[in-house]
């Protein structure tokens, strides 16, 4: 766990924290059940304490989802621009999804 390093981010060269995998989440749960603090678990996985809370507490996760949905509803233009920028940065991911959807629908394109 201690060996998890920061990973290189997008084209702009930002550094991003690693995504929490299901294995990491399982290990976080074990550590929490063993009595470790949220801050200690976060330091071991090189993530923020809020990230640990999000993955371990369903109430925190639900609140975050609701806040995101409310923000999207209250800021439709900014939300659309943000999603467009994300799609542009993650083009391969979206291209494969679109191709899969077209195959499922039977489209020729």
Protein backbone atom coordinates (compact mmCIF):
# COMPACT_ATOMS: atom_id res chain seq x y z
CA UNK A 1 0.00 0.00 0.00
CA UNK A 2 2.78 2.41 0.87
CA UNK A 3 4.25 2.02 -2.60
CA UNK A 4 1.34 3.65 -4.43
CA UNK A 5 2.73 6.71 -6.18
CA UNK A 6 1.07 9.64 -7.82
CA UNK A 7 0.30 8.95 -11.46
CA UNK A 8 0.87 11.32 -14.35
CA UNK A 9 -2.31 13.13 -15.31
CA UNK A 10 -3.72 14.43 -18.57
CA UNK A 11 -1.86 16.20 -21.34
CA UNK A 12 -1.45 19.29 -19.17
CA UNK A 13 0.94 17.36 -16.93
CA UNK A 14 -1.12 17.55 -13.76
CA UNK A 15 -0.58 14.89 -11.15
CA UNK A 16 -3.60 12.86 -10.16
CA UNK A 17 -4.16 10.53 -7.26
CA UNK A 18 -4.80 6.92 -8.22
CA UNK A 19 -8.35 5.67 -8.61
CA UNK A 20 -9.66 3.49 -5.81
CA UNK A 21 -9.98 -0.04 -7.12
CA UNK A 22 -12.37 -2.63 -5.64
CA UNK A 23 -9.34 -4.35 -4.07
CA UNK A 24 -8.25 -1.10 -2.45
CA UNK A 25 -11.77 -0.51 -1.16
CA UNK A 26 -11.87 -3.99 0.35
CA UNK A 27 -8.55 -3.38 2.08
CA UNK A 28 -9.80 0.00 3.34
CA UNK A 29 -12.81 -1.74 4.88
CA UNK A 30 -10.60 -4.31 6.59
CA UNK A 31 -8.38 -1.59 8.01
CA UNK A 32 -11.36 0.41 9.26
CA UNK A 33 -12.84 -2.68 10.92
CA UNK A 34 -9.45 -3.26 12.56
CA UNK A 35 -9.76 0.19 14.14
CA UNK A 36 -7.52 2.36 11.98
CA UNK A 37 -8.50 6.00 11.59
CA UNK A 38 -9.75 7.48 8.33
CA UNK A 39 -6.68 9.75 8.18
CA UNK A 40 -4.28 6.81 8.59
CA UNK A 41 -6.06 4.76 5.92
CA UNK A 42 -5.98 7.74 3.56
CA UNK A 43 -2.24 8.19 4.10
CA UNK A 44 -1.59 4.49 3.40
CA UNK A 45 -3.44 4.60 0.07
CA UNK A 46 -2.25 8.10 -0.88
CA UNK A 47 -5.82 9.41 -1.21
CA UNK A 48 -7.76 12.14 0.56
CA UNK A 49 -9.67 11.35 3.76
CA UNK A 50 -12.88 12.36 1.97
CA UNK A 51 -12.17 9.65 -0.62
CA UNK A 52 -11.94 7.03 2.12
CA UNK A 53 -15.18 8.29 3.67
CA UNK A 54 -16.87 8.20 0.26
CA UNK A 55 -15.95 4.56 -0.22
CA UNK A 56 -16.68 3.39 3.33
CA UNK A 57 -19.81 5.32 4.31
CA UNK A 58 -22.94 4.91 2.15
CA UNK A 59 -24.44 8.11 3.60
CA UNK A 60 -21.45 10.16 2.46
CA UNK A 61 -21.57 8.56 -0.99
CA UNK A 62 -25.31 9.23 -1.36
CA UNK A 63 -24.87 12.85 -0.25
CA UNK A 64 -22.09 13.38 -2.82
CA UNK A 65 -24.23 11.89 -5.59
CA UNK A 66 -27.20 14.08 -4.64
CA UNK A 67 -25.04 17.21 -4.56
CA UNK A 68 -23.67 16.40 -8.02
CA UNK A 69 -27.17 15.86 -9.40
CA UNK A 70 -28.39 19.12 -7.87
CA UNK A 71 -25.41 21.02 -9.26
CA UNK A 72 -26.03 19.58 -12.73
CA UNK A 73 -29.69 20.59 -12.53
CA UNK A 74 -28.89 24.11 -11.29
CA UNK A 75 -26.01 24.74 -13.72
CA UNK A 76 -27.00 23.12 -17.03
CA UNK A 77 -24.66 25.19 -19.23
CA UNK A 78 -21.60 24.66 -17.03
CA UNK A 79 -22.51 21.00 -16.63
CA UNK A 80 -22.75 20.52 -20.39
CA UNK A 81 -19.41 22.29 -20.93
CA UNK A 82 -17.75 20.20 -18.24
CA UNK A 83 -19.03 16.95 -19.72
CA UNK A 84 -17.92 18.03 -23.20
CA UNK A 85 -14.42 18.79 -21.92
CA UNK A 86 -14.28 15.41 -20.15
CA UNK A 87 -15.34 13.59 -23.32
CA UNK A 88 -12.66 15.44 -25.28
CA UNK A 89 -9.97 14.42 -22.79
CA UNK A 90 -11.21 10.81 -22.67
CA UNK A 91 -12.06 10.35 -26.34
CA UNK A 92 -11.01 6.69 -26.63
CA UNK A 93 -13.28 5.72 -23.77
CA UNK A 94 -16.29 7.37 -25.38
CA UNK A 95 -15.48 6.18 -28.88
CA UNK A 96 -15.52 2.55 -27.73
CA UNK A 97 -18.84 3.07 -25.92
CA UNK A 98 -20.43 4.68 -28.95
CA UNK A 99 -19.19 1.88 -31.21
CA UNK A 100 -20.59 -0.71 -28.80
CA UNK A 101 -23.98 1.04 -28.66
CA UNK A 102 -24.13 1.21 -32.45
CA UNK A 103 -23.33 -2.50 -32.73
CA UNK A 104 -26.06 -3.30 -30.23
CA UNK A 105 -28.60 -1.21 -32.16
CA UNK A 106 -27.53 -2.73 -35.46
CA UNK A 107 -26.34 0.55 -37.00
CA UNK A 108 -23.95 0.41 -39.89
CA UNK A 109 -21.92 3.54 -38.97
